[in-house]
Amino acid sequence: MRILLDENLPWTLGTLLTGHEYNTVGRMGWGGIKNGKLLTLARKHFDIFLSVDRGLPLEQNLPKFNIAVFLLRARSNSLPDLRQLVSAILIAAQRPKKRALTIIEL
């Protein structure tokens, strides 16, 4: 799967997602782009969008976007806290649900 990490996530999280290609919003040159436009761009290049932005499902009509959105819920967006979710991310990435929100938490 091709995975895009939101700008609020450390890029090093991608290195833990073994078996998947990853990139970041910043590396794509999409920093500062609002979520609706960002998801429109992301769906053309990625299968899964990872974020910790809890407002995302409230602000966006996710079924409109042909991309799976994973909302990570951890104590913080630091790598030590997010590392605890890696196994669950990898399991969910095996069968991502496009046009839907998947919440990943401990």
PDB file of N, CA and C in Angstrom:
ATOM      1  N   MET A   1       0.827  -1.179   0.000  1.00  0.00           N
ATOM      2  CA  MET A   1       0.000   0.000   0.000  1.00  0.00           C
ATOM      3  C   MET A   1       0.877   1.250   0.000  1.00  0.00           C
ATOM      4  N   ARG A   2       0.355   2.300  -0.579  1.00  0.00           N
ATOM      5  CA  ARG A   2       1.020   3.599  -0.577  1.00  0.00           C
ATOM      6  C   ARG A   2       0.358   4.444   0.504  1.00  0.00           C
ATOM      7  N   ILE A   3       1.164   4.887   1.466  1.00  0.00           N
ATOM      8  CA  ILE A   3       0.652   5.567   2.651  1.00  0.00           C
ATOM      9  C   ILE A   3       1.202   6.991   2.724  1.00  0.00           C
ATOM     10  N   LEU A   4       0.297   7.939   2.995  1.00  0.00           N
ATOM     11  CA  LEU A   4       0.689   9.342   3.178  1.00  0.00           C
ATOM     12  C   LEU A   4       0.540   9.702   4.643  1.00  0.00           C
ATOM     13  N   LEU A   5       1.613  10.231   5.232  1.00  0.00           N
ATOM     14  CA  LEU A   5       1.585  10.689   6.615  1.00  0.00           C
ATOM     15  C   LEU A   5       1.279  12.184   6.643  1.00  0.00           C
ATOM     16  N   ASP A   6       0.293  12.566   7.427  1.00  0.00           N
ATOM     17  CA  ASP A   6      -0.076  13.969   7.580  1.00  0.00           C
ATOM     18  C   ASP A   6       1.094  14.737   8.184  1.00  0.00           C
ATOM     19  N   GLU A   7       1.070  16.045   8.035  1.00  0.00           N
ATOM     20  CA  GLU A   7       2.199  16.851   8.509  1.00  0.00           C
ATOM     21  C   GLU A   7       2.299  16.886  10.027  1.00  0.00           C
ATOM     22  N   ASN A   8       1.286  16.406  10.730  1.00  0.00           N
ATOM     23  CA  ASN A   8       1.339  16.379  12.190  1.00  0.00           C
ATOM     24  C   ASN A   8       1.934  15.072  12.723  1.00  0.00           C
ATOM     25  N   LEU A   9       2.468  14.236  11.825  1.00  0.00           N
ATOM     26  CA  LEU A   9       3.088  12.968  12.223  1.00  0.00           C
ATOM     27  C   LEU A   9       4.582  12.998  11.930  1.00  0.00           C
ATOM     28  N   PRO A  10       5.386  12.343  12.766  1.00  0.00           N
ATOM     29  CA  PRO A  10       6.822  12.281  12.477  1.00  0.00           C
ATOM     30  C   PRO A  10       7.079  11.375  11.271  1.00  0.00           C
ATOM     31  N   TRP A  11       7.964  11.811  10.377  1.00  0.00           N
ATOM     32  CA  TRP A  11       8.249  11.017   9.176  1.00  0.00           C
ATOM     33  C   TRP A  11       8.813   9.652   9.536  1.00  0.00           C
ATOM     34  N   THR A  12       9.446   9.551  10.691  1.00  0.00           N
ATOM     35  CA  THR A  12      10.044   8.286  11.098  1.00  0.00           C
ATOM     36  C   THR A  12       8.997   7.193  11.339  1.00  0.00           C
ATOM     37  N   LEU A  13       7.744   7.572  11.539  1.00  0.00           N
ATOM     38  CA  LEU A  13       6.683   6.573  11.650  1.00  0.00           C
ATOM     39  C   LEU A  13       6.621   5.737  10.374  1.00  0.00           C
ATOM     40  N   GLY A  14       6.815   6.357   9.243  1.00  0.00           N
ATOM     41  CA  GLY A  14       6.771   5.647   7.963  1.00  0.00           C
ATOM     42  C   GLY A  14       7.794   4.534   7.866  1.00  0.00           C
ATOM     43  N   THR A  15       8.945   4.725   8.498  1.00  0.00           N
ATOM     44  CA  THR A  15       9.988   3.704   8.432  1.00  0.00           C
ATOM     45  C   THR A  15       9.585   2.427   9.165  1.00  0.00           C
ATOM     46  N   LEU A  16       8.600   2.528  10.047  1.00  0.00           N
ATOM     47  CA  LEU A  16       8.128   1.369  10.802  1.00  0.00           C
ATOM     48  C   LEU A  16       7.026   0.602  10.079  1.00  0.00           C
ATOM     49  N   LEU A  17       6.532   1.160   8.998  1.00  0.00           N
ATOM     50  CA  LEU A  17       5.419   0.547   8.262  1.00  0.00           C
ATOM     51  C   LEU A  17       5.975  -0.383   7.191  1.00  0.00           C
ATOM     52  N   THR A  18       6.607  -1.432   7.635  1.00  0.00           N
ATOM     53  CA  THR A  18       7.308  -2.356   6.745  1.00  0.00           C
ATOM     54  C   THR A  18       6.354  -2.984   5.737  1.00  0.00           C
ATOM     55  N   GLY A  19       6.857  -3.108   4.518  1.00  0.00           N
ATOM     56  CA  GLY A  19       6.068  -3.699   3.450  1.00  0.00           C
ATOM     57  C   GLY A  19       5.197  -2.703   2.714  1.00  0.00           C
ATOM     58  N   HIS A  20       5.293  -1.433   3.095  1.00  0.00           N
ATOM     59  CA  HIS A  20       4.478  -0.394   2.461  1.00  0.00           C
ATOM     60  C   HIS A  20       5.367   0.756   2.017  1.00  0.00           C
ATOM     61  N   GLU A  21       4.931   1.437   0.970  1.00  0.00           N
ATOM     62  CA  GLU A  21       5.596   2.676   0.558  1.00  0.00           C
ATOM     63  C   GLU A  21       4.978   3.810   1.362  1.00  0.00           C
ATOM     64  N   TYR A  22       5.783   4.775   1.740  1.00  0.00           N
ATOM     65  CA  TYR A  22       5.219   5.910   2.467  1.00  0.00           C
ATOM     66  C   TYR A  22       5.866   7.201   1.985  1.00  0.00           C
ATOM     67  N   ASN A  23       5.149   8.277   2.211  1.00  0.00           N
ATOM     68  CA  ASN A  23       5.668   9.609   1.977  1.00  0.00           C
ATOM     69  C   ASN A  23       4.975  10.515   2.980  1.00  0.00           C
ATOM     70  N   THR A  24       5.422  11.754   3.044  1.00  0.00           N
ATOM     71  CA  THR A  24       4.832  12.699   3.978  1.00  0.00           C
ATOM     72  C   THR A  24       4.254  13.887   3.221  1.00  0.00           C
ATOM     73  N   VAL A  25       3.320  14.551   3.862  1.00  0.00           N
ATOM     74  CA  VAL A  25       2.726  15.754   3.270  1.00  0.00           C
ATOM     75  C   VAL A  25       3.829  16.761   2.956  1.00  0.00           C
ATOM     76  N   GLY A  26       4.779  16.925   3.867  1.00  0.00           N
ATOM     77  CA  GLY A  26       5.870  17.879   3.657  1.00  0.00           C
ATOM     78  C   GLY A  26       6.742  17.531   2.471  1.00  0.00           C
ATOM     79  N   ARG A  27       7.120  16.283   2.360  1.00  0.00           N
ATOM     80  CA  ARG A  27       7.971  15.860   1.233  1.00  0.00           C
ATOM     81  C   ARG A  27       7.258  15.981  -0.104  1.00  0.00           C
ATOM     82  N   MET A  28       5.939  15.860  -0.083  1.00  0.00           N
ATOM     83  CA  MET A  28       5.160  16.006  -1.312  1.00  0.00           C
ATOM     84  C   MET A  28       5.002  17.478  -1.695  1.00  0.00           C
ATOM     85  N   GLY A  29       5.400  18.387  -0.786  1.00  0.00           N
ATOM     86  CA  GLY A  29       5.240  19.814  -1.047  1.00  0.00           C
ATOM     87  C   GLY A  29       3.835  20.308  -0.777  1.00  0.00           C
ATOM     88  N   TRP A  30       3.092  19.567   0.029  1.00  0.00           N
ATOM     89  CA  TRP A  30       1.698  19.891   0.301  1.00  0.00           C
ATOM     90  C   TRP A  30       1.481  20.488   1.692  1.00  0.00           C
ATOM     91  N   GLY A  31       2.539  20.907   2.362  1.00  0.00           N
ATOM     92  CA  GLY A  31       2.412  21.482   3.691  1.00  0.00           C
ATOM     93  C   GLY A  31       1.493  22.689   3.687  1.00  0.00           C
ATOM     94  N   GLY A  32       0.623  22.785   4.676  1.00  0.00           N
ATOM     95  CA  GLY A  32      -0.277  23.923   4.808  1.00  0.00           C
ATOM     96  C   GLY A  32      -1.551  23.821   3.998  1.00  0.00           C
ATOM     97  N   ILE A  33      -1.680  22.797   3.161  1.00  0.00           N
ATOM     98  CA  ILE A  33      -2.897  22.632   2.361  1.00  0.00           C
ATOM     99  C   ILE A  33      -4.003  22.098   3.273  1.00  0.00           C
ATOM    100  N   LYS A  34      -5.172  22.682   3.171  1.00  0.00           N
ATOM    101  CA  LYS A  34      -6.303  22.273   4.014  1.00  0.00           C
ATOM    102  C   LYS A  34      -6.753  20.859   3.668  1.00  0.00           C
ATOM    103  N   ASN A  35      -7.390  20.191   4.627  1.00  0.00           N
ATOM    104  CA  ASN A  35      -7.705  18.772   4.510  1.00  0.00           C
ATOM    105  C   ASN A  35      -8.511  18.377   3.274  1.00  0.00           C
ATOM    106  N   GLY A  36      -9.511  19.146   2.881  1.00  0.00           N
ATOM    107  CA  GLY A  36     -10.311  18.787   1.710  1.00  0.00           C
ATOM    108  C   GLY A  36      -9.472  18.725   0.451  1.00  0.00           C
ATOM    109  N   LYS A  37      -8.700  19.742   0.207  1.00  0.00           N
ATOM    110  CA  LYS A  37      -7.832  19.755  -0.969  1.00  0.00           C
ATOM    111  C   LYS A  37      -6.727  18.710  -0.827  1.00  0.00           C
ATOM    112  N   LEU A  38      -6.233  18.544   0.384  1.00  0.00           N
ATOM    113  CA  LEU A  38      -5.178  17.563   0.631  1.00  0.00           C
ATOM    114  C   LEU A  38      -5.665  16.147   0.310  1.00  0.00           C
ATOM    115  N   LEU A  39      -6.860  15.806   0.741  1.00  0.00           N
ATOM    116  CA  LEU A  39      -7.405  14.478   0.446  1.00  0.00           C
ATOM    117  C   LEU A  39      -7.655  14.299  -1.046  1.00  0.00           C
ATOM    118  N   THR A  40      -8.054  15.357  -1.721  1.00  0.00           N
ATOM    119  CA  THR A  40      -8.242  15.295  -3.176  1.00  0.00           C
ATOM    120  C   THR A  40      -6.917  14.983  -3.863  1.00  0.00           C
ATOM    121  N   LEU A  41      -5.846  15.638  -3.436  1.00  0.00           N
ATOM    122  CA  LEU A  41      -4.517  15.360  -4.002  1.00  0.00           C
ATOM    123  C   LEU A  41      -4.038  13.968  -3.620  1.00  0.00           C
ATOM    124  N   ALA A  42      -4.215  13.607  -2.370  1.00  0.00           N
ATOM    125  CA  ALA A  42      -3.697  12.340  -1.852  1.00  0.00           C
ATOM    126  C   ALA A  42      -4.323  11.141  -2.537  1.00  0.00           C
ATOM    127  N   ARG A  43      -5.604  11.203  -2.829  1.00  0.00           N
ATOM    128  CA  ARG A  43      -6.287  10.034  -3.404  1.00  0.00           C
ATOM    129  C   ARG A  43      -5.740   9.653  -4.773  1.00  0.00           C
ATOM    130  N   LYS A  44      -5.074  10.586  -5.432  1.00  0.00           N
ATOM    131  CA  LYS A  44      -4.497  10.306  -6.753  1.00  0.00           C
ATOM    132  C   LYS A  44      -3.184   9.537  -6.666  1.00  0.00           C
ATOM    133  N   HIS A  45      -2.533   9.581  -5.499  1.00  0.00           N
ATOM    134  CA  HIS A  45      -1.197   9.002  -5.356  1.00  0.00           C
ATOM    135  C   HIS A  45      -1.077   7.954  -4.245  1.00  0.00           C
ATOM    136  N   PHE A  46      -2.061   7.914  -3.345  1.00  0.00           N
ATOM    137  CA  PHE A  46      -1.946   7.073  -2.151  1.00  0.00           C
ATOM    138  C   PHE A  46      -3.213   6.261  -1.910  1.00  0.00           C
ATOM    139  N   ASP A  47      -3.043   5.171  -1.158  1.00  0.00           N
ATOM    140  CA  ASP A  47      -4.168   4.315  -0.779  1.00  0.00           C
ATOM    141  C   ASP A  47      -4.694   4.655   0.612  1.00  0.00           C
ATOM    142  N   ILE A  48      -3.783   5.137   1.476  1.00  0.00           N
ATOM    143  CA  ILE A  48      -4.119   5.387   2.879  1.00  0.00           C
ATOM    144  C   ILE A  48      -3.540   6.731   3.310  1.00  0.00           C
ATOM    145  N   PHE A  49      -4.333   7.479   4.072  1.00  0.00           N
ATOM    146  CA  PHE A  49      -3.894   8.741   4.663  1.00  0.00           C
ATOM    147  C   PHE A  49      -3.912   8.571   6.175  1.00  0.00           C
ATOM    148  N   LEU A  50      -2.770   8.798   6.840  1.00  0.00           N
ATOM    149  CA  LEU A  50      -2.662   8.697   8.297  1.00  0.00           C
ATOM    150  C   LEU A  50      -2.640  10.084   8.920  1.00  0.00           C
ATOM    151  N   SER A  51      -3.408  10.263   9.983  1.00  0.00           N
ATOM    152  CA  SER A  51      -3.436  11.551  10.663  1.00  0.00           C
ATOM    153  C   SER A  51      -3.794  11.363  12.136  1.00  0.00           C
ATOM    154  N   VAL A  52      -3.502  12.363  12.940  1.00  0.00           N
ATOM    155  CA  VAL A  52      -3.976  12.412  14.323  1.00  0.00           C
ATOM    156  C   VAL A  52      -4.968  13.564  14.503  1.00  0.00           C
ATOM    157  N   ASP A  53      -5.388  14.176  13.406  1.00  0.00           N
ATOM    158  CA  ASP A  53      -6.305  15.310  13.424  1.00  0.00           C
ATOM    159  C   ASP A  53      -7.724  14.827  13.722  1.00  0.00           C
ATOM    160  N   ARG A  54      -8.139  14.964  14.967  1.00  0.00           N
ATOM    161  CA  ARG A  54      -9.457  14.471  15.388  1.00  0.00           C
ATOM    162  C   ARG A  54     -10.608  15.245  14.758  1.00  0.00           C
ATOM    163  N   GLY A  55     -10.332  16.425  14.241  1.00  0.00           N
ATOM    164  CA  GLY A  55     -11.370  17.201  13.578  1.00  0.00           C
ATOM    165  C   GLY A  55     -11.630  16.765  12.149  1.00  0.00           C
ATOM    166  N   LEU A  56     -10.733  15.998  11.592  1.00  0.00           N
ATOM    167  CA  LEU A  56     -10.833  15.589  10.190  1.00  0.00           C
ATOM    168  C   LEU A  56     -12.179  14.959   9.829  1.00  0.00           C
ATOM    169  N   PRO A  57     -12.668  13.966  10.576  1.00  0.00           N
ATOM    170  CA  PRO A  57     -13.946  13.366  10.183  1.00  0.00           C
ATOM    171  C   PRO A  57     -15.144  14.302  10.370  1.00  0.00           C
ATOM    172  N   LEU A  58     -15.000  15.299  11.209  1.00  0.00           N
ATOM    173  CA  LEU A  58     -16.077  16.263  11.406  1.00  0.00           C
ATOM    174  C   LEU A  58     -16.084  17.331  10.319  1.00  0.00           C
ATOM    175  N   GLU A  59     -14.903  17.644   9.805  1.00  0.00           N
ATOM    176  CA  GLU A  59     -14.757  18.713   8.818  1.00  0.00           C
ATOM    177  C   GLU A  59     -14.924  18.239   7.378  1.00  0.00           C
ATOM    178  N   GLN A  60     -14.715  16.952   7.138  1.00  0.00           N
ATOM    179  CA  GLN A  60     -14.709  16.448   5.765  1.00  0.00           C
ATOM    180  C   GLN A  60     -15.746  15.348   5.578  1.00  0.00           C
ATOM    181  N   ASN A  61     -16.313  15.293   4.392  1.00  0.00           N
ATOM    182  CA  ASN A  61     -17.217  14.224   3.996  1.00  0.00           C
ATOM    183  C   ASN A  61     -16.353  13.105   3.422  1.00  0.00           C
ATOM    184  N   LEU A  62     -15.840  12.232   4.280  1.00  0.00           N
ATOM    185  CA  LEU A  62     -14.851  11.236   3.880  1.00  0.00           C
ATOM    186  C   LEU A  62     -15.320  10.277   2.781  1.00  0.00           C
ATOM    187  N   PRO A  63     -16.605   9.893   2.703  1.00  0.00           N
ATOM    188  CA  PRO A  63     -17.019   9.021   1.600  1.00  0.00           C
ATOM    189  C   PRO A  63     -16.826   9.649   0.212  1.00  0.00           C
ATOM    190  N   LYS A  64     -16.635  10.939   0.176  1.00  0.00           N
ATOM    191  CA  LYS A  64     -16.406  11.649  -1.083  1.00  0.00           C
ATOM    192  C   LYS A  64     -15.006  11.372  -1.646  1.00  0.00           C
ATOM    193  N   PHE A  65     -14.078  10.940  -0.796  1.00  0.00           N
ATOM    194  CA  PHE A  65     -12.682  10.762  -1.199  1.00  0.00           C
ATOM    195  C   PHE A  65     -12.340   9.278  -1.320  1.00  0.00           C
ATOM    196  N   ASN A  66     -11.817   8.898  -2.458  1.00  0.00           N
ATOM    197  CA  ASN A  66     -11.475   7.496  -2.706  1.00  0.00           C
ATOM    198  C   ASN A  66     -10.106   7.165  -2.110  1.00  0.00           C
ATOM    199  N   ILE A  67     -10.038   7.268  -0.793  1.00  0.00           N
ATOM    200  CA  ILE A  67      -8.821   6.960  -0.048  1.00  0.00           C
ATOM    201  C   ILE A  67      -9.244   6.508   1.350  1.00  0.00           C
ATOM    202  N   ALA A  68      -8.502   5.583   1.920  1.00  0.00           N
ATOM    203  CA  ALA A  68      -8.758   5.159   3.301  1.00  0.00           C
ATOM    204  C   ALA A  68      -8.107   6.172   4.236  1.00  0.00           C
ATOM    205  N   VAL A  69      -8.820   6.581   5.262  1.00  0.00           N
ATOM    206  CA  VAL A  69      -8.293   7.527   6.243  1.00  0.00           C
ATOM    207  C   VAL A  69      -8.181   6.809   7.579  1.00  0.00           C
ATOM    208  N   PHE A  70      -6.968   6.786   8.110  1.00  0.00           N
ATOM    209  CA  PHE A  70      -6.716   6.187   9.420  1.00  0.00           C
ATOM    210  C   PHE A  70      -6.482   7.315  10.415  1.00  0.00           C
ATOM    211  N   LEU A  71      -7.302   7.376  11.436  1.00  0.00           N
ATOM    212  CA  LEU A  71      -7.144   8.356  12.508  1.00  0.00           C
ATOM    213  C   LEU A  71      -6.453   7.667  13.671  1.00  0.00           C
ATOM    214  N   LEU A  72      -5.258   8.128  13.978  1.00  0.00           N
ATOM    215  CA  LEU A  72      -4.462   7.527  15.041  1.00  0.00           C
ATOM    216  C   LEU A  72      -4.760   8.235  16.352  1.00  0.00           C
ATOM    217  N   ARG A  73      -5.094   7.469  17.353  1.00  0.00           N
ATOM    218  CA  ARG A  73      -5.349   8.025  18.680  1.00  0.00           C
ATOM    219  C   ARG A  73      -4.302   7.484  19.638  1.00  0.00           C
ATOM    220  N   ALA A  74      -3.408   8.361  20.015  1.00  0.00           N
ATOM    221  CA  ALA A  74      -2.338   8.019  20.950  1.00  0.00           C
ATOM    222  C   ALA A  74      -2.232   9.158  21.964  1.00  0.00           C
ATOM    223  N   ARG A  75      -1.419   8.946  22.965  1.00  0.00           N
ATOM    224  CA  ARG A  75      -1.235   9.972  23.995  1.00  0.00           C
ATOM    225  C   ARG A  75      -0.735  11.275  23.377  1.00  0.00           C
ATOM    226  N   SER A  76       0.144  11.152  22.377  1.00  0.00           N
ATOM    227  CA  SER A  76       0.666  12.323  21.672  1.00  0.00           C
ATOM    228  C   SER A  76       1.025  11.894  20.252  1.00  0.00           C
ATOM    229  N   ASN A  77       1.518  12.821  19.471  1.00  0.00           N
ATOM    230  CA  ASN A  77       1.956  12.469  18.116  1.00  0.00           C
ATOM    231  C   ASN A  77       3.468  12.242  18.061  1.00  0.00           C
ATOM    232  N   SER A  78       4.068  11.935  19.206  1.00  0.00           N
ATOM    233  CA  SER A  78       5.496  11.623  19.232  1.00  0.00           C
ATOM    234  C   SER A  78       5.695  10.152  18.844  1.00  0.00           C
ATOM    235  N   LEU A  79       6.844   9.850  18.287  1.00  0.00           N
ATOM    236  CA  LEU A  79       7.115   8.497  17.828  1.00  0.00           C
ATOM    237  C   LEU A  79       6.983   7.443  18.934  1.00  0.00           C
ATOM    238  N   PRO A  80       7.484   7.679  20.145  1.00  0.00           N
ATOM    239  CA  PRO A  80       7.310   6.651  21.179  1.00  0.00           C
ATOM    240  C   PRO A  80       5.839   6.292  21.427  1.00  0.00           C
ATOM    241  N   ASP A  81       4.952   7.273  21.409  1.00  0.00           N
ATOM    242  CA  ASP A  81       3.526   6.992  21.613  1.00  0.00           C
ATOM    243  C   ASP A  81       2.906   6.331  20.384  1.00  0.00           C
ATOM    244  N   LEU A  82       3.268   6.786  19.198  1.00  0.00           N
ATOM    245  CA  LEU A  82       2.704   6.236  17.962  1.00  0.00           C
ATOM    246  C   LEU A  82       3.224   4.832  17.665  1.00  0.00           C
ATOM    247  N   ARG A  83       4.418   4.541  18.111  1.00  0.00           N
ATOM    248  CA  ARG A  83       5.022   3.217  17.877  1.00  0.00           C
ATOM    249  C   ARG A  83       4.109   2.103  18.409  1.00  0.00           C
ATOM    250  N   GLN A  84       3.369   2.390  19.462  1.00  0.00           N
ATOM    251  CA  GLN A  84       2.466   1.394  20.047  1.00  0.00           C
ATOM    252  C   GLN A  84       1.312   1.029  19.111  1.00  0.00           C
ATOM    253  N   LEU A  85       1.067   1.861  18.102  1.00  0.00           N
ATOM    254  CA  LEU A  85      -0.037   1.626  17.168  1.00  0.00           C
ATOM    255  C   LEU A  85       0.401   0.946  15.876  1.00  0.00           C
ATOM    256  N   VAL A  86       1.693   0.759  15.687  1.00  0.00           N
ATOM    257  CA  VAL A  86       2.211   0.255  14.411  1.00  0.00           C
ATOM    258  C   VAL A  86       1.601  -1.089  14.035  1.00  0.00           C
ATOM    259  N   SER A  87       1.518  -2.017  14.945  1.00  0.00           N
ATOM    260  CA  SER A  87       0.935  -3.329  14.628  1.00  0.00           C
ATOM    261  C   SER A  87      -0.501  -3.191  14.142  1.00  0.00           C
ATOM    262  N   ALA A  88      -1.281  -2.353  14.808  1.00  0.00           N
ATOM    263  CA  ALA A  88      -2.674  -2.143  14.410  1.00  0.00           C
ATOM    264  C   ALA A  88      -2.765  -1.444  13.054  1.00  0.00           C
ATOM    265  N   ILE A  89      -1.858  -0.519  12.779  1.00  0.00           N
ATOM    266  CA  ILE A  89      -1.828   0.141  11.469  1.00  0.00           C
ATOM    267  C   ILE A  89      -1.547  -0.888  10.382  1.00  0.00           C
ATOM    268  N   LEU A  90      -0.563  -1.743  10.616  1.00  0.00           N
ATOM    269  CA  LEU A  90      -0.196  -2.753   9.618  1.00  0.00           C
ATOM    270  C   LEU A  90      -1.335  -3.740   9.369  1.00  0.00           C
ATOM    271  N   ILE A  91      -2.053  -4.111  10.397  1.00  0.00           N
ATOM    272  CA  ILE A  91      -3.206  -5.009  10.227  1.00  0.00           C
ATOM    273  C   ILE A  91      -4.295  -4.320   9.417  1.00  0.00           C
ATOM    274  N   ALA A  92      -4.624  -3.077   9.778  1.00  0.00           N
ATOM    275  CA  ALA A  92      -5.669  -2.335   9.061  1.00  0.00           C
ATOM    276  C   ALA A  92      -5.266  -2.069   7.611  1.00  0.00           C
ATOM    277  N   ALA A  93      -3.979  -1.906   7.359  1.00  0.00           N
ATOM    278  CA  ALA A  93      -3.496  -1.625   6.004  1.00  0.00           C
ATOM    279  C   ALA A  93      -3.617  -2.839   5.082  1.00  0.00           C
ATOM    280  N   GLN A  94      -3.813  -4.012   5.651  1.00  0.00           N
ATOM    281  CA  GLN A  94      -4.004  -5.198   4.821  1.00  0.00           C
ATOM    282  C   GLN A  94      -5.310  -5.135   4.043  1.00  0.00           C
ATOM    283  N   ARG A  95      -6.315  -4.506   4.623  1.00  0.00           N
ATOM    284  CA  ARG A  95      -7.625  -4.355   3.984  1.00  0.00           C
ATOM    285  C   ARG A  95      -8.181  -2.960   4.270  1.00  0.00           C
ATOM    286  N   PRO A  96      -7.564  -1.943   3.692  1.00  0.00           N
ATOM    287  CA  PRO A  96      -8.033  -0.580   3.979  1.00  0.00           C
ATOM    288  C   PRO A  96      -9.417  -0.330   3.392  1.00  0.00           C
ATOM    289  N   LYS A  97     -10.222   0.385   4.143  1.00  0.00           N
ATOM    290  CA  LYS A  97     -11.575   0.717   3.702  1.00  0.00           C
ATOM    291  C   LYS A  97     -11.561   2.113   3.093  1.00  0.00           C
ATOM    292  N   LYS A  98     -11.571   2.166   1.765  1.00  0.00           N
ATOM    293  CA  LYS A  98     -11.591   3.461   1.104  1.00  0.00           C
ATOM    294  C   LYS A  98     -12.934   4.128   1.334  1.00  0.00           C
ATOM    295  N   ARG A  99     -12.897   5.458   1.307  1.00  0.00           N
ATOM    296  CA  ARG A  99     -14.081   6.287   1.533  1.00  0.00           C
ATOM    297  C   ARG A  99     -14.627   6.132   2.955  1.00  0.00           C
ATOM    298  N   ALA A 100     -13.743   5.749   3.882  1.00  0.00           N
ATOM    299  CA  ALA A 100     -14.179   5.528   5.265  1.00  0.00           C
ATOM    300  C   ALA A 100     -13.068   5.913   6.240  1.00  0.00           C
ATOM    301  N   LEU A 101     -13.469   6.089   7.478  1.00  0.00           N
ATOM    302  CA  LEU A 101     -12.546   6.396   8.555  1.00  0.00           C
ATOM    303  C   LEU A 101     -12.298   5.139   9.368  1.00  0.00           C
ATOM    304  N   THR A 102     -11.037   4.852   9.625  1.00  0.00           N
ATOM    305  CA  THR A 102     -10.654   3.757  10.512  1.00  0.00           C
ATOM    306  C   THR A 102      -9.925   4.381  11.690  1.00  0.00           C
ATOM    307  N   ILE A 103     -10.446   4.165  12.884  1.00  0.00           N
ATOM    308  CA  ILE A 103      -9.796   4.694  14.081  1.00  0.00           C
ATOM    309  C   ILE A 103      -8.862   3.631  14.629  1.00  0.00           C
ATOM    310  N   ILE A 104      -7.631   4.030  14.861  1.00  0.00           N
ATOM    311  CA  ILE A 104      -6.628   3.109  15.381  1.00  0.00           C
ATOM    312  C   ILE A 104      -6.156   3.648  16.728  1.00  0.00           C
ATOM    313  N   GLU A 105      -6.382   2.843  17.750  1.00  0.00           N
ATOM    314  CA  GLU A 105      -6.016   3.236  19.108  1.00  0.00           C
ATOM    315  C   GLU A 105      -5.652   2.004  19.902  1.00  0.00           C
ATOM    316  N   LEU A 106      -5.085   2.202  21.070  1.00  0.00           N
ATOM    317  CA  LEU A 106      -4.744   1.073  21.945  1.00  0.00           C
ATOM    318  C   LEU A 106      -5.992   0.509  22.577  1.00  0.00           C
TER     319      LEU A 106
END
